[in-house]
Amino acid sequence: EVHSVEHQASIDAFANARFELPQETLQAGDEVVAGLAAPAAVEQNEEIQQKQNQEEAEVEKDPFAASDAINKPQE
């Protein structure tokens, strides 16, 4: 019974604890996140551009693609 009371008191104390980080620490974390997010965004943009280039290359190879697109019924 003694240990359960101590355990419950420890749980209550930890649940009500508040941690404050200095502003410098928060700013440093924001800079790290921005540094990690930028390369991922660049990679996604490169993949999108590669797909668009492939689609454009396919369209250029087919001389009848424009007439097929005009004659195709709307879906």
N, C-alpha and C. Protein backbone atom coordinates (compact mmCIF):
# COMPACT_ATOMS: atom_id res chain seq x y z
N GLU A 1 0.83 -1.20 0.00
CA GLU A 1 0.00 0.00 0.00
C GLU A 1 0.88 1.26 0.00
N VAL A 2 2.00 1.22 0.68
CA VAL A 2 2.90 2.36 0.73
C VAL A 2 3.46 2.65 -0.65
N HIS A 3 3.83 1.62 -1.35
CA HIS A 3 4.41 1.81 -2.67
C HIS A 3 3.38 2.31 -3.68
N SER A 4 2.16 1.88 -3.56
CA SER A 4 1.13 2.34 -4.51
C SER A 4 0.83 3.83 -4.32
N VAL A 5 0.89 4.29 -3.06
CA VAL A 5 0.67 5.71 -2.80
C VAL A 5 1.82 6.52 -3.38
N GLU A 6 3.05 6.06 -3.21
CA GLU A 6 4.20 6.75 -3.78
C GLU A 6 4.14 6.75 -5.31
N HIS A 7 3.74 5.61 -5.84
CA HIS A 7 3.64 5.50 -7.30
C HIS A 7 2.61 6.48 -7.84
N GLN A 8 1.47 6.54 -7.20
CA GLN A 8 0.41 7.47 -7.64
C GLN A 8 0.86 8.92 -7.48
N ALA A 9 1.57 9.24 -6.43
CA ALA A 9 2.07 10.59 -6.23
C ALA A 9 3.09 10.95 -7.32
N SER A 10 3.92 10.00 -7.70
CA SER A 10 4.90 10.24 -8.77
C SER A 10 4.20 10.47 -10.11
N ILE A 11 3.18 9.70 -10.38
CA ILE A 11 2.41 9.87 -11.61
C ILE A 11 1.76 11.24 -11.66
N ASP A 12 1.15 11.65 -10.56
CA ASP A 12 0.50 12.96 -10.49
C ASP A 12 1.52 14.10 -10.67
N ALA A 13 2.67 13.95 -10.04
CA ALA A 13 3.70 14.99 -10.14
C ALA A 13 4.20 15.10 -11.58
N PHE A 14 4.43 13.99 -12.24
CA PHE A 14 4.94 14.03 -13.60
C PHE A 14 3.87 14.52 -14.58
N ALA A 15 2.62 14.16 -14.34
CA ALA A 15 1.55 14.58 -15.23
C ALA A 15 1.35 16.10 -15.18
N ASN A 16 1.65 16.71 -14.06
CA ASN A 16 1.47 18.15 -13.91
C ASN A 16 2.75 18.95 -14.17
N ALA A 17 3.82 18.26 -14.52
CA ALA A 17 5.09 18.95 -14.77
C ALA A 17 5.02 19.69 -16.10
N ARG A 18 5.63 20.85 -16.14
CA ARG A 18 5.68 21.66 -17.37
C ARG A 18 7.14 21.91 -17.70
N PHE A 19 7.47 21.76 -18.96
CA PHE A 19 8.83 21.98 -19.39
C PHE A 19 8.85 23.17 -20.34
N GLU A 20 9.74 24.08 -20.10
CA GLU A 20 9.87 25.25 -20.97
C GLU A 20 11.26 25.22 -21.59
N LEU A 21 11.29 25.38 -22.90
CA LEU A 21 12.56 25.42 -23.61
C LEU A 21 12.90 26.87 -23.91
N PRO A 22 14.18 27.21 -23.88
CA PRO A 22 14.58 28.57 -24.23
C PRO A 22 14.25 28.86 -25.70
N GLN A 23 14.03 30.11 -26.00
CA GLN A 23 13.68 30.53 -27.36
C GLN A 23 14.78 30.15 -28.36
N GLU A 24 16.04 30.22 -27.94
CA GLU A 24 17.15 29.87 -28.82
C GLU A 24 17.06 28.41 -29.24
N THR A 25 16.67 27.54 -28.32
CA THR A 25 16.55 26.11 -28.62
C THR A 25 15.44 25.88 -29.63
N LEU A 26 14.32 26.56 -29.45
CA LEU A 26 13.20 26.41 -30.38
C LEU A 26 13.58 26.90 -31.78
N GLN A 27 14.29 28.01 -31.85
CA GLN A 27 14.71 28.55 -33.15
C GLN A 27 15.70 27.61 -33.83
N ALA A 28 16.60 27.04 -33.06
CA ALA A 28 17.57 26.10 -33.64
C ALA A 28 16.84 24.87 -34.19
N GLY A 29 15.83 24.41 -33.50
CA GLY A 29 15.04 23.27 -33.98
C GLY A 29 14.30 23.61 -35.26
N ASP A 30 13.76 24.83 -35.36
CA ASP A 30 13.08 25.26 -36.57
C ASP A 30 14.03 25.29 -37.75
N GLU A 31 15.26 25.74 -37.52
CA GLU A 31 16.26 25.79 -38.59
C GLU A 31 16.61 24.38 -39.07
N VAL A 32 16.72 23.45 -38.15
CA VAL A 32 17.04 22.07 -38.52
C VAL A 32 15.91 21.48 -39.35
N VAL A 33 14.67 21.70 -38.93
CA VAL A 33 13.53 21.18 -39.67
C VAL A 33 13.46 21.79 -41.07
N ALA A 34 13.71 23.07 -41.18
CA ALA A 34 13.70 23.72 -42.49
C ALA A 34 14.79 23.14 -43.38
N GLY A 35 15.93 22.85 -42.81
CA GLY A 35 17.02 22.26 -43.58
C GLY A 35 16.70 20.85 -44.04
N LEU A 36 15.95 20.11 -43.25
CA LEU A 36 15.58 18.75 -43.63
C LEU A 36 14.45 18.74 -44.65
N ALA A 37 13.54 19.68 -44.55
CA ALA A 37 12.37 19.72 -45.43
C ALA A 37 12.74 20.20 -46.83
N ALA A 38 13.70 21.08 -46.95
CA ALA A 38 14.04 21.65 -48.26
C ALA A 38 14.53 20.59 -49.25
N PRO A 39 15.45 19.69 -48.89
CA PRO A 39 15.89 18.69 -49.87
C PRO A 39 14.75 17.76 -50.31
N ALA A 40 13.85 17.43 -49.41
CA ALA A 40 12.73 16.56 -49.78
C ALA A 40 11.83 17.25 -50.80
N ALA A 41 11.60 18.54 -50.62
CA ALA A 41 10.77 19.28 -51.56
C ALA A 41 11.45 19.39 -52.92
N VAL A 42 12.75 19.57 -52.92
CA VAL A 42 13.49 19.66 -54.18
C VAL A 42 13.43 18.34 -54.92
N GLU A 43 13.55 17.23 -54.20
CA GLU A 43 13.47 15.92 -54.83
C GLU A 43 12.11 15.68 -55.44
N GLN A 44 11.04 16.09 -54.75
CA GLN A 44 9.70 15.92 -55.28
C GLN A 44 9.52 16.76 -56.54
N ASN A 45 10.01 17.98 -56.53
CA ASN A 45 9.91 18.83 -57.71
C ASN A 45 10.66 18.23 -58.89
N GLU A 46 11.83 17.66 -58.63
CA GLU A 46 12.61 17.03 -59.69
C GLU A 46 11.87 15.84 -60.29
N GLU A 47 11.22 15.03 -59.42
CA GLU A 47 10.46 13.88 -59.91
C GLU A 47 9.29 14.33 -60.77
N ILE A 48 8.61 15.38 -60.36
CA ILE A 48 7.48 15.90 -61.13
C ILE A 48 7.95 16.40 -62.48
N GLN A 49 9.06 17.12 -62.49
CA GLN A 49 9.60 17.63 -63.76
C GLN A 49 10.01 16.49 -64.68
N GLN A 50 10.58 15.44 -64.13
CA GLN A 50 10.97 14.29 -64.96
C GLN A 50 9.75 13.63 -65.58
N LYS A 51 8.68 13.48 -64.81
CA LYS A 51 7.45 12.89 -65.34
C LYS A 51 6.87 13.77 -66.44
N GLN A 52 6.88 15.07 -66.25
CA GLN A 52 6.36 15.98 -67.26
C GLN A 52 7.21 15.91 -68.52
N ASN A 53 8.51 15.83 -68.38
CA ASN A 53 9.39 15.73 -69.54
C ASN A 53 9.14 14.43 -70.30
N GLN A 54 8.90 13.34 -69.57
CA GLN A 54 8.60 12.07 -70.22
C GLN A 54 7.30 12.14 -70.99
N GLU A 55 6.28 12.77 -70.38
CA GLU A 55 4.99 12.91 -71.05
C GLU A 55 5.13 13.78 -72.30
N GLU A 56 5.89 14.84 -72.21
CA GLU A 56 6.10 15.71 -73.36
C GLU A 56 6.84 14.96 -74.47
N ALA A 57 7.79 14.14 -74.11
CA ALA A 57 8.54 13.38 -75.10
C ALA A 57 7.63 12.39 -75.81
N GLU A 58 6.72 11.76 -75.06
CA GLU A 58 5.78 10.83 -75.66
C GLU A 58 4.83 11.54 -76.61
N VAL A 59 4.38 12.72 -76.23
CA VAL A 59 3.46 13.48 -77.08
C VAL A 59 4.17 13.91 -78.36
N GLU A 60 5.40 14.30 -78.27
CA GLU A 60 6.14 14.74 -79.44
C GLU A 60 6.40 13.59 -80.41
N LYS A 61 6.52 12.38 -79.95
CA LYS A 61 6.80 11.24 -80.80
C LYS A 61 5.57 10.83 -81.63
N ASP A 62 4.39 11.08 -81.15
CA ASP A 62 3.17 10.67 -81.83
C ASP A 62 2.65 11.83 -82.67
N PRO A 63 2.77 11.79 -84.00
CA PRO A 63 2.32 12.91 -84.83
C PRO A 63 0.80 13.05 -84.88
N PHE A 64 0.06 11.99 -84.54
CA PHE A 64 -1.40 12.05 -84.61
C PHE A 64 -2.04 12.28 -83.25
N ALA A 65 -1.24 12.58 -82.24
CA ALA A 65 -1.77 12.75 -80.89
C ALA A 65 -2.75 13.91 -80.81
N ALA A 66 -2.49 15.01 -81.51
CA ALA A 66 -3.38 16.17 -81.45
C ALA A 66 -4.73 15.84 -82.07
N SER A 67 -4.74 15.17 -83.23
CA SER A 67 -6.01 14.85 -83.87
C SER A 67 -6.78 13.81 -83.05
N ASP A 68 -6.08 12.88 -82.43
CA ASP A 68 -6.75 11.90 -81.58
C ASP A 68 -7.38 12.57 -80.38
N ALA A 69 -6.70 13.56 -79.82
CA ALA A 69 -7.24 14.26 -78.65
C ALA A 69 -8.47 15.06 -79.03
N ILE A 70 -8.52 15.62 -80.23
CA ILE A 70 -9.67 16.41 -80.67
C ILE A 70 -10.86 15.49 -80.93
N ASN A 71 -10.63 14.34 -81.54
CA ASN A 71 -11.70 13.43 -81.93
C ASN A 71 -12.17 12.55 -80.78
N LYS A 72 -11.44 12.54 -79.68
CA LYS A 72 -11.80 11.70 -78.55
C LYS A 72 -13.02 12.26 -77.84
N PRO A 73 -14.03 11.43 -77.58
CA PRO A 73 -15.22 11.94 -76.87
C PRO A 73 -14.88 12.27 -75.42
N GLN A 74 -15.60 13.25 -74.89
CA GLN A 74 -15.36 13.63 -73.49
C GLN A 74 -15.88 12.56 -72.57
N GLU A 75 -15.13 12.32 -71.50
CA GLU A 75 -15.51 11.27 -70.56
C GLU A 75 -16.32 11.84 -69.43
